[in-house]
Amino acid sequence: MWTAFKLLVKLKGLRGGAFDVFGYSAERRMERALIAEYRAMVEGLLPALDATTHATAVELAALPEQIRGFGHVKEGGAEYRARKAELLSGNVKERAA
């Protein structure tokens, strides 16, 4: 078993590249999509950031902390997206008022 682990350590440089066989799994694709979604959300919040939107922005930035586990447990992060949509819609209403 330790021999297999030593081999995996040597292949660590392949992570994230074209030869990352584990990177093609649905779970890894979902994780990369969540990261891109988070970055886009934060970049979208920054131009409108002020004292009135700060609390909402902080809560939105902390939402990914709710995503836990692996596989089907991580996929169960529907409450993350529901809360995100709720906060974003509330944020839009505040700016429109």
PDB file of N, CA and C in Angstrom:
ATOM      1  N   MET A   1       0.820  -1.193   0.000  1.00  0.00           N
ATOM      2  CA  MET A   1       0.000   0.000   0.000  1.00  0.00           C
ATOM      3  C   MET A   1       0.858   1.248   0.000  1.00  0.00           C
ATOM      4  N   TRP A   2       1.926   1.245   0.792  1.00  0.00           N
ATOM      5  CA  TRP A   2       2.795   2.430   0.840  1.00  0.00           C
ATOM      6  C   TRP A   2       3.448   2.685  -0.518  1.00  0.00           C
ATOM      7  N   THR A   3       3.707   1.635  -1.254  1.00  0.00           N
ATOM      8  CA  THR A   3       4.276   1.795  -2.595  1.00  0.00           C
ATOM      9  C   THR A   3       3.302   2.542  -3.496  1.00  0.00           C
ATOM     10  N   ALA A   4       2.050   2.216  -3.389  1.00  0.00           N
ATOM     11  CA  ALA A   4       1.021   2.907  -4.182  1.00  0.00           C
ATOM     12  C   ALA A   4       0.937   4.378  -3.786  1.00  0.00           C
ATOM     13  N   PHE A   5       1.026   4.670  -2.496  1.00  0.00           N
ATOM     14  CA  PHE A   5       0.997   6.056  -2.049  1.00  0.00           C
ATOM     15  C   PHE A   5       2.206   6.831  -2.556  1.00  0.00           C
ATOM     16  N   LYS A   6       3.367   6.195  -2.554  1.00  0.00           N
ATOM     17  CA  LYS A   6       4.576   6.850  -3.065  1.00  0.00           C
ATOM     18  C   LYS A   6       4.429   7.166  -4.554  1.00  0.00           C
ATOM     19  N   LEU A   7       3.804   6.266  -5.284  1.00  0.00           N
ATOM     20  CA  LEU A   7       3.560   6.506  -6.705  1.00  0.00           C
ATOM     21  C   LEU A   7       2.600   7.676  -6.892  1.00  0.00           C
ATOM     22  N   LEU A   8       1.557   7.717  -6.095  1.00  0.00           N
ATOM     23  CA  LEU A   8       0.593   8.815  -6.187  1.00  0.00           C
ATOM     24  C   LEU A   8       1.236  10.165  -5.876  1.00  0.00           C
ATOM     25  N   VAL A   9       2.157  10.183  -4.930  1.00  0.00           N
ATOM     26  CA  VAL A   9       2.865  11.427  -4.603  1.00  0.00           C
ATOM     27  C   VAL A   9       3.664  11.900  -5.805  1.00  0.00           C
ATOM     28  N   LYS A  10       4.303  10.983  -6.513  1.00  0.00           N
ATOM     29  CA  LYS A  10       5.090  11.354  -7.688  1.00  0.00           C
ATOM     30  C   LYS A  10       4.206  11.868  -8.825  1.00  0.00           C
ATOM     31  N   LEU A  11       2.961  11.434  -8.860  1.00  0.00           N
ATOM     32  CA  LEU A  11       2.030  11.875  -9.901  1.00  0.00           C
ATOM     33  C   LEU A  11       1.271  13.141  -9.510  1.00  0.00           C
ATOM     34  N   LYS A  12       1.606  13.726  -8.374  1.00  0.00           N
ATOM     35  CA  LYS A  12       0.913  14.899  -7.877  1.00  0.00           C
ATOM     36  C   LYS A  12       0.973  16.071  -8.863  1.00  0.00           C
ATOM     37  N   GLY A  13       2.044  16.169  -9.615  1.00  0.00           N
ATOM     38  CA  GLY A  13       2.200  17.250 -10.580  1.00  0.00           C
ATOM     39  C   GLY A  13       1.185  17.209 -11.708  1.00  0.00           C
ATOM     40  N   LEU A  14       0.506  16.092 -11.881  1.00  0.00           N
ATOM     41  CA  LEU A  14      -0.492  15.975 -12.940  1.00  0.00           C
ATOM     42  C   LEU A  14      -1.851  16.551 -12.556  1.00  0.00           C
ATOM     43  N   ARG A  15      -2.032  16.862 -11.281  1.00  0.00           N
ATOM     44  CA  ARG A  15      -3.325  17.359 -10.810  1.00  0.00           C
ATOM     45  C   ARG A  15      -3.723  18.626 -11.546  1.00  0.00           C
ATOM     46  N   GLY A  16      -4.968  18.666 -11.947  1.00  0.00           N
ATOM     47  CA  GLY A  16      -5.508  19.841 -12.604  1.00  0.00           C
ATOM     48  C   GLY A  16      -5.183  19.943 -14.077  1.00  0.00           C
ATOM     49  N   GLY A  17      -4.377  19.033 -14.588  1.00  0.00           N
ATOM     50  CA  GLY A  17      -3.994  19.066 -15.988  1.00  0.00           C
ATOM     51  C   GLY A  17      -4.807  18.100 -16.831  1.00  0.00           C
ATOM     52  N   ALA A  18      -4.382  17.950 -18.063  1.00  0.00           N
ATOM     53  CA  ALA A  18      -5.093  17.082 -19.002  1.00  0.00           C
ATOM     54  C   ALA A  18      -4.996  15.608 -18.609  1.00  0.00           C
ATOM     55  N   PHE A  19      -3.958  15.239 -17.860  1.00  0.00           N
ATOM     56  CA  PHE A  19      -3.764  13.836 -17.483  1.00  0.00           C
ATOM     57  C   PHE A  19      -4.286  13.511 -16.085  1.00  0.00           C
ATOM     58  N   ASP A  20      -5.057  14.405 -15.514  1.00  0.00           N
ATOM     59  CA  ASP A  20      -5.650  14.185 -14.192  1.00  0.00           C
ATOM     60  C   ASP A  20      -6.912  13.348 -14.379  1.00  0.00           C
ATOM     61  N   VAL A  21      -6.781  12.030 -14.271  1.00  0.00           N
ATOM     62  CA  VAL A  21      -7.907  11.131 -14.535  1.00  0.00           C
ATOM     63  C   VAL A  21      -9.034  11.310 -13.523  1.00  0.00           C
ATOM     64  N   PHE A  22      -8.710  11.703 -12.294  1.00  0.00           N
ATOM     65  CA  PHE A  22      -9.744  11.903 -11.282  1.00  0.00           C
ATOM     66  C   PHE A  22     -10.463  13.240 -11.485  1.00  0.00           C
ATOM     67  N   GLY A  23      -9.846  14.146 -12.204  1.00  0.00           N
ATOM     68  CA  GLY A  23     -10.434  15.464 -12.442  1.00  0.00           C
ATOM     69  C   GLY A  23     -11.615  15.440 -13.385  1.00  0.00           C
ATOM     70  N   TYR A  24     -11.823  14.341 -14.078  1.00  0.00           N
ATOM     71  CA  TYR A  24     -12.941  14.245 -15.009  1.00  0.00           C
ATOM     72  C   TYR A  24     -14.224  13.736 -14.358  1.00  0.00           C
ATOM     73  N   SER A  25     -14.156  13.389 -13.090  1.00  0.00           N
ATOM     74  CA  SER A  25     -15.351  12.873 -12.419  1.00  0.00           C
ATOM     75  C   SER A  25     -16.382  13.985 -12.258  1.00  0.00           C
ATOM     76  N   ALA A  26     -17.617  13.604 -12.126  1.00  0.00           N
ATOM     77  CA  ALA A  26     -18.707  14.574 -11.977  1.00  0.00           C
ATOM     78  C   ALA A  26     -18.522  15.422 -10.719  1.00  0.00           C
ATOM     79  N   GLU A  27     -18.023  14.789  -9.665  1.00  0.00           N
ATOM     80  CA  GLU A  27     -17.824  15.518  -8.412  1.00  0.00           C
ATOM     81  C   GLU A  27     -16.765  16.606  -8.564  1.00  0.00           C
ATOM     82  N   ARG A  28     -15.658  16.285  -9.209  1.00  0.00           N
ATOM     83  CA  ARG A  28     -14.602  17.289  -9.400  1.00  0.00           C
ATOM     84  C   ARG A  28     -15.071  18.403 -10.335  1.00  0.00           C
ATOM     85  N   ARG A  29     -15.836  18.060 -11.358  1.00  0.00           N
ATOM     86  CA  ARG A  29     -16.364  19.099 -12.249  1.00  0.00           C
ATOM     87  C   ARG A  29     -17.307  20.020 -11.480  1.00  0.00           C
ATOM     88  N   MET A  30     -18.130  19.435 -10.587  1.00  0.00           N
ATOM     89  CA  MET A  30     -19.027  20.233  -9.776  1.00  0.00           C
ATOM     90  C   MET A  30     -18.236  21.158  -8.856  1.00  0.00           C
ATOM     91  N   GLU A  31     -17.161  20.640  -8.251  1.00  0.00           N
ATOM     92  CA  GLU A  31     -16.345  21.457  -7.363  1.00  0.00           C
ATOM     93  C   GLU A  31     -15.725  22.635  -8.115  1.00  0.00           C
ATOM     94  N   ARG A  32     -15.215  22.380  -9.311  1.00  0.00           N
ATOM     95  CA  ARG A  32     -14.629  23.471 -10.101  1.00  0.00           C
ATOM     96  C   ARG A  32     -15.698  24.480 -10.503  1.00  0.00           C
ATOM     97  N   ALA A  33     -16.895  24.003 -10.815  1.00  0.00           N
ATOM     98  CA  ALA A  33     -17.996  24.909 -11.169  1.00  0.00           C
ATOM     99  C   ALA A  33     -18.394  25.766  -9.965  1.00  0.00           C
ATOM    100  N   LEU A  34     -18.415  25.187  -8.779  1.00  0.00           N
ATOM    101  CA  LEU A  34     -18.746  25.947  -7.572  1.00  0.00           C
ATOM    102  C   LEU A  34     -17.713  27.036  -7.309  1.00  0.00           C
ATOM    103  N   ILE A  35     -16.445  26.720  -7.543  1.00  0.00           N
ATOM    104  CA  ILE A  35     -15.389  27.710  -7.348  1.00  0.00           C
ATOM    105  C   ILE A  35     -15.558  28.862  -8.327  1.00  0.00           C
ATOM    106  N   ALA A  36     -15.804  28.542  -9.590  1.00  0.00           N
ATOM    107  CA  ALA A  36     -16.004  29.586 -10.606  1.00  0.00           C
ATOM    108  C   ALA A  36     -17.246  30.418 -10.285  1.00  0.00           C
ATOM    109  N   GLU A  37     -18.306  29.760  -9.839  1.00  0.00           N
ATOM    110  CA  GLU A  37     -19.545  30.454  -9.472  1.00  0.00           C
ATOM    111  C   GLU A  37     -19.307  31.408  -8.311  1.00  0.00           C
ATOM    112  N   TYR A  38     -18.534  30.965  -7.321  1.00  0.00           N
ATOM    113  CA  TYR A  38     -18.223  31.790  -6.155  1.00  0.00           C
ATOM    114  C   TYR A  38     -17.409  33.016  -6.559  1.00  0.00           C
ATOM    115  N   ARG A  39     -16.389  32.795  -7.367  1.00  0.00           N
ATOM    116  CA  ARG A  39     -15.565  33.922  -7.809  1.00  0.00           C
ATOM    117  C   ARG A  39     -16.377  34.941  -8.584  1.00  0.00           C
ATOM    118  N   ALA A  40     -17.239  34.477  -9.476  1.00  0.00           N
ATOM    119  CA  ALA A  40     -18.086  35.384 -10.257  1.00  0.00           C
ATOM    120  C   ALA A  40     -19.035  36.157  -9.343  1.00  0.00           C
ATOM    121  N   MET A  41     -19.577  35.483  -8.334  1.00  0.00           N
ATOM    122  CA  MET A  41     -20.484  36.147  -7.404  1.00  0.00           C
ATOM    123  C   MET A  41     -19.762  37.254  -6.645  1.00  0.00           C
ATOM    124  N   VAL A  42     -18.574  36.944  -6.124  1.00  0.00           N
ATOM    125  CA  VAL A  42     -17.818  37.937  -5.359  1.00  0.00           C
ATOM    126  C   VAL A  42     -17.416  39.107  -6.254  1.00  0.00           C
ATOM    127  N   GLU A  43     -16.957  38.820  -7.458  1.00  0.00           N
ATOM    128  CA  GLU A  43     -16.589  39.894  -8.377  1.00  0.00           C
ATOM    129  C   GLU A  43     -17.795  40.746  -8.745  1.00  0.00           C
ATOM    130  N   GLY A  44     -18.968  40.154  -8.807  1.00  0.00           N
ATOM    131  CA  GLY A  44     -20.186  40.901  -9.081  1.00  0.00           C
ATOM    132  C   GLY A  44     -20.628  41.762  -7.910  1.00  0.00           C
ATOM    133  N   LEU A  45     -20.301  41.332  -6.696  1.00  0.00           N
ATOM    134  CA  LEU A  45     -20.687  42.089  -5.506  1.00  0.00           C
ATOM    135  C   LEU A  45     -19.769  43.285  -5.259  1.00  0.00           C
ATOM    136  N   LEU A  46     -18.524  43.183  -5.637  1.00  0.00           N
ATOM    137  CA  LEU A  46     -17.545  44.213  -5.300  1.00  0.00           C
ATOM    138  C   LEU A  46     -17.889  45.611  -5.811  1.00  0.00           C
ATOM    139  N   PRO A  47     -18.346  45.782  -7.046  1.00  0.00           N
ATOM    140  CA  PRO A  47     -18.644  47.146  -7.498  1.00  0.00           C
ATOM    141  C   PRO A  47     -19.734  47.853  -6.685  1.00  0.00           C
ATOM    142  N   ALA A  48     -20.675  47.108  -6.141  1.00  0.00           N
ATOM    143  CA  ALA A  48     -21.784  47.704  -5.383  1.00  0.00           C
ATOM    144  C   ALA A  48     -21.545  47.674  -3.880  1.00  0.00           C
ATOM    145  N   LEU A  49     -20.345  47.304  -3.460  1.00  0.00           N
ATOM    146  CA  LEU A  49     -20.069  47.163  -2.029  1.00  0.00           C
ATOM    147  C   LEU A  49     -19.991  48.532  -1.358  1.00  0.00           C
ATOM    148  N   ASP A  50     -20.819  48.714  -0.346  1.00  0.00           N
ATOM    149  CA  ASP A  50     -20.777  49.920   0.481  1.00  0.00           C
ATOM    150  C   ASP A  50     -21.293  49.538   1.870  1.00  0.00           C
ATOM    151  N   ALA A  51     -21.494  50.517   2.704  1.00  0.00           N
ATOM    152  CA  ALA A  51     -21.901  50.236   4.085  1.00  0.00           C
ATOM    153  C   ALA A  51     -23.258  49.542   4.155  1.00  0.00           C
ATOM    154  N   THR A  52     -24.148  49.830   3.211  1.00  0.00           N
ATOM    155  CA  THR A  52     -25.480  49.227   3.270  1.00  0.00           C
ATOM    156  C   THR A  52     -25.491  47.788   2.767  1.00  0.00           C
ATOM    157  N   THR A  53     -24.560  47.423   1.879  1.00  0.00           N
ATOM    158  CA  THR A  53     -24.535  46.069   1.324  1.00  0.00           C
ATOM    159  C   THR A  53     -23.479  45.184   1.972  1.00  0.00           C
ATOM    160  N   HIS A  54     -22.713  45.742   2.895  1.00  0.00           N
ATOM    161  CA  HIS A  54     -21.601  45.000   3.499  1.00  0.00           C
ATOM    162  C   HIS A  54     -22.052  43.726   4.203  1.00  0.00           C
ATOM    163  N   ALA A  55     -23.069  43.809   5.043  1.00  0.00           N
ATOM    164  CA  ALA A  55     -23.518  42.637   5.809  1.00  0.00           C
ATOM    165  C   ALA A  55     -23.987  41.516   4.880  1.00  0.00           C
ATOM    166  N   THR A  56     -24.724  41.872   3.842  1.00  0.00           N
ATOM    167  CA  THR A  56     -25.196  40.868   2.889  1.00  0.00           C
ATOM    168  C   THR A  56     -24.027  40.252   2.141  1.00  0.00           C
ATOM    169  N   ALA A  57     -23.063  41.081   1.746  1.00  0.00           N
ATOM    170  CA  ALA A  57     -21.892  40.588   1.024  1.00  0.00           C
ATOM    171  C   ALA A  57     -21.078  39.630   1.893  1.00  0.00           C
ATOM    172  N   VAL A  58     -20.930  39.945   3.156  1.00  0.00           N
ATOM    173  CA  VAL A  58     -20.190  39.068   4.072  1.00  0.00           C
ATOM    174  C   VAL A  58     -20.912  37.734   4.223  1.00  0.00           C
ATOM    175  N   GLU A  59     -22.235  37.781   4.355  1.00  0.00           N
ATOM    176  CA  GLU A  59     -23.005  36.542   4.484  1.00  0.00           C
ATOM    177  C   GLU A  59     -22.915  35.705   3.210  1.00  0.00           C
ATOM    178  N   LEU A  60     -22.976  36.362   2.052  1.00  0.00           N
ATOM    179  CA  LEU A  60     -22.835  35.646   0.780  1.00  0.00           C
ATOM    180  C   LEU A  60     -21.445  35.028   0.656  1.00  0.00           C
ATOM    181  N   ALA A  61     -20.426  35.768   1.064  1.00  0.00           N
ATOM    182  CA  ALA A  61     -19.059  35.253   0.970  1.00  0.00           C
ATOM    183  C   ALA A  61     -18.837  34.053   1.885  1.00  0.00           C
ATOM    184  N   ALA A  62     -19.590  33.969   2.969  1.00  0.00           N
ATOM    185  CA  ALA A  62     -19.433  32.870   3.924  1.00  0.00           C
ATOM    186  C   ALA A  62     -20.273  31.648   3.569  1.00  0.00           C
ATOM    187  N   LEU A  63     -21.170  31.762   2.604  1.00  0.00           N
ATOM    188  CA  LEU A  63     -22.060  30.645   2.261  1.00  0.00           C
ATOM    189  C   LEU A  63     -21.336  29.347   1.899  1.00  0.00           C
ATOM    190  N   PRO A  64     -20.228  29.364   1.153  1.00  0.00           N
ATOM    191  CA  PRO A  64     -19.582  28.094   0.815  1.00  0.00           C
ATOM    192  C   PRO A  64     -19.112  27.282   2.022  1.00  0.00           C
ATOM    193  N   GLU A  65     -19.018  27.911   3.181  1.00  0.00           N
ATOM    194  CA  GLU A  65     -18.645  27.166   4.381  1.00  0.00           C
ATOM    195  C   GLU A  65     -19.697  26.125   4.752  1.00  0.00           C
ATOM    196  N   GLN A  66     -20.920  26.280   4.219  1.00  0.00           N
ATOM    197  CA  GLN A  66     -21.995  25.324   4.495  1.00  0.00           C
ATOM    198  C   GLN A  66     -21.851  24.043   3.684  1.00  0.00           C
ATOM    199  N   ILE A  67     -21.071  24.076   2.618  1.00  0.00           N
ATOM    200  CA  ILE A  67     -20.911  22.905   1.756  1.00  0.00           C
ATOM    201  C   ILE A  67     -19.892  21.984   2.402  1.00  0.00           C
ATOM    202  N   ARG A  68     -20.322  20.809   2.768  1.00  0.00           N
ATOM    203  CA  ARG A  68     -19.476  19.855   3.490  1.00  0.00           C
ATOM    204  C   ARG A  68     -19.526  18.492   2.813  1.00  0.00           C
ATOM    205  N   GLY A  69     -18.559  17.656   3.150  1.00  0.00           N
ATOM    206  CA  GLY A  69     -18.587  16.262   2.768  1.00  0.00           C
ATOM    207  C   GLY A  69     -18.123  15.969   1.358  1.00  0.00           C
ATOM    208  N   PHE A  70     -18.401  14.766   0.932  1.00  0.00           N
ATOM    209  CA  PHE A  70     -18.004  14.270  -0.376  1.00  0.00           C
ATOM    210  C   PHE A  70     -19.215  13.676  -1.069  1.00  0.00           C
ATOM    211  N   GLY A  71     -19.162  13.609  -2.384  1.00  0.00           N
ATOM    212  CA  GLY A  71     -20.168  12.915  -3.175  1.00  0.00           C
ATOM    213  C   GLY A  71     -21.566  13.417  -2.969  1.00  0.00           C
ATOM    214  N   HIS A  72     -22.462  12.492  -2.628  1.00  0.00           N
ATOM    215  CA  HIS A  72     -23.880  12.839  -2.503  1.00  0.00           C
ATOM    216  C   HIS A  72     -24.140  13.818  -1.366  1.00  0.00           C
ATOM    217  N   VAL A  73     -23.273  13.821  -0.346  1.00  0.00           N
ATOM    218  CA  VAL A  73     -23.436  14.766   0.762  1.00  0.00           C
ATOM    219  C   VAL A  73     -23.186  16.185   0.257  1.00  0.00           C
ATOM    220  N   LYS A  74     -22.146  16.357  -0.542  1.00  0.00           N
ATOM    221  CA  LYS A  74     -21.831  17.668  -1.094  1.00  0.00           C
ATOM    222  C   LYS A  74     -22.901  18.110  -2.079  1.00  0.00           C
ATOM    223  N   GLU A  75     -23.440  17.185  -2.839  1.00  0.00           N
ATOM    224  CA  GLU A  75     -24.493  17.510  -3.802  1.00  0.00           C
ATOM    225  C   GLU A  75     -25.757  17.984  -3.093  1.00  0.00           C
ATOM    226  N   GLY A  76     -25.902  17.615  -1.850  1.00  0.00           N
ATOM    227  CA  GLY A  76     -27.064  18.035  -1.072  1.00  0.00           C
ATOM    228  C   GLY A  76     -26.971  19.480  -0.625  1.00  0.00           C
ATOM    229  N   GLY A  77     -26.100  20.260  -1.212  1.00  0.00           N
ATOM    230  CA  GLY A  77     -25.920  21.664  -0.853  1.00  0.00           C
ATOM    231  C   GLY A  77     -26.986  22.565  -1.447  1.00  0.00           C
ATOM    232  N   ALA A  78     -28.198  22.054  -1.602  1.00  0.00           N
ATOM    233  CA  ALA A  78     -29.280  22.843  -2.169  1.00  0.00           C
ATOM    234  C   ALA A  78     -29.597  24.049  -1.284  1.00  0.00           C
ATOM    235  N   GLU A  79     -29.430  23.900   0.014  1.00  0.00           N
ATOM    236  CA  GLU A  79     -29.702  25.024   0.911  1.00  0.00           C
ATOM    237  C   GLU A  79     -28.725  26.165   0.650  1.00  0.00           C
ATOM    238  N   TYR A  80     -27.517  25.840   0.192  1.00  0.00           N
ATOM    239  CA  TYR A  80     -26.536  26.862  -0.178  1.00  0.00           C
ATOM    240  C   TYR A  80     -27.074  27.708  -1.321  1.00  0.00           C
ATOM    241  N   ARG A  81     -27.551  27.065  -2.369  1.00  0.00           N
ATOM    242  CA  ARG A  81     -28.066  27.810  -3.530  1.00  0.00           C
ATOM    243  C   ARG A  81     -29.358  28.545  -3.195  1.00  0.00           C
ATOM    244  N   ALA A  82     -30.207  27.943  -2.374  1.00  0.00           N
ATOM    245  CA  ALA A  82     -31.463  28.600  -1.989  1.00  0.00           C
ATOM    246  C   ALA A  82     -31.170  29.862  -1.178  1.00  0.00           C
ATOM    247  N   ARG A  83     -30.262  29.749  -0.222  1.00  0.00           N
ATOM    248  CA  ARG A  83     -29.907  30.914   0.606  1.00  0.00           C
ATOM    249  C   ARG A  83     -29.209  31.982  -0.238  1.00  0.00           C
ATOM    250  N   LYS A  84     -28.382  31.561  -1.167  1.00  0.00           N
ATOM    251  CA  LYS A  84     -27.699  32.506  -2.051  1.00  0.00           C
ATOM    252  C   LYS A  84     -28.715  33.278  -2.889  1.00  0.00           C
ATOM    253  N   ALA A  85     -29.690  32.576  -3.464  1.00  0.00           N
ATOM    254  CA  ALA A  85     -30.716  33.227  -4.269  1.00  0.00           C
ATOM    255  C   ALA A  85     -31.541  34.186  -3.416  1.00  0.00           C
ATOM    256  N   GLU A  86     -31.843  33.766  -2.196  1.00  0.00           N
ATOM    257  CA  GLU A  86     -32.612  34.610  -1.284  1.00  0.00           C
ATOM    258  C   GLU A  86     -31.862  35.900  -0.967  1.00  0.00           C
ATOM    259  N   LEU A  87     -30.569  35.778  -0.651  1.00  0.00           N
ATOM    260  CA  LEU A  87     -29.771  36.956  -0.320  1.00  0.00           C
ATOM    261  C   LEU A  87     -29.585  37.870  -1.530  1.00  0.00           C
ATOM    262  N   LEU A  88     -29.343  37.272  -2.684  1.00  0.00           N
ATOM    263  CA  LEU A  88     -29.161  38.094  -3.889  1.00  0.00           C
ATOM    264  C   LEU A  88     -30.452  38.814  -4.260  1.00  0.00           C
ATOM    265  N   SER A  89     -31.574  38.147  -4.144  1.00  0.00           N
ATOM    266  CA  SER A  89     -32.830  38.813  -4.485  1.00  0.00           C
ATOM    267  C   SER A  89     -33.146  39.921  -3.482  1.00  0.00           C
ATOM    268  N   GLY A  90     -32.834  39.687  -2.234  1.00  0.00           N
ATOM    269  CA  GLY A  90     -33.021  40.727  -1.203  1.00  0.00           C
ATOM    270  C   GLY A  90     -32.088  41.890  -1.437  1.00  0.00           C
ATOM    271  N   ASN A  91     -30.881  41.604  -1.885  1.00  0.00           N
ATOM    272  CA  ASN A  91     -29.890  42.630  -2.167  1.00  0.00           C
ATOM    273  C   ASN A  91     -30.340  43.502  -3.334  1.00  0.00           C
ATOM    274  N   VAL A  92     -30.943  42.868  -4.350  1.00  0.00           N
ATOM    275  CA  VAL A  92     -31.433  43.626  -5.506  1.00  0.00           C
ATOM    276  C   VAL A  92     -32.559  44.545  -5.089  1.00  0.00           C
ATOM    277  N   LYS A  93     -33.460  44.059  -4.229  1.00  0.00           N
ATOM    278  CA  LYS A  93     -34.579  44.883  -3.753  1.00  0.00           C
ATOM    279  C   LYS A  93     -34.067  46.091  -2.969  1.00  0.00           C
ATOM    280  N   GLU A  94     -33.015  45.894  -2.162  1.00  0.00           N
ATOM    281  CA  GLU A  94     -32.476  46.999  -1.385  1.00  0.00           C
ATOM    282  C   GLU A  94     -31.918  48.083  -2.297  1.00  0.00           C
ATOM    283  N   ARG A  95     -31.222  47.696  -3.352  1.00  0.00           N
ATOM    284  CA  ARG A  95     -30.642  48.673  -4.276  1.00  0.00           C
ATOM    285  C   ARG A  95     -31.713  49.389  -5.075  1.00  0.00           C
ATOM    286  N   ALA A  96     -32.813  48.713  -5.383  1.00  0.00           N
ATOM    287  CA  ALA A  96     -33.874  49.314  -6.182  1.00  0.00           C
ATOM    288  C   ALA A  96     -34.674  50.327  -5.353  1.00  0.00           C
ATOM    289  N   ALA A  97     -34.722  50.145  -4.060  1.00  0.00           N
ATOM    290  CA  ALA A  97     -35.525  51.021  -3.191  1.00  0.00           C
ATOM    291  C   ALA A  97     -34.865  52.363  -2.958  1.00  0.00           C
TER     292      ALA A  97
END
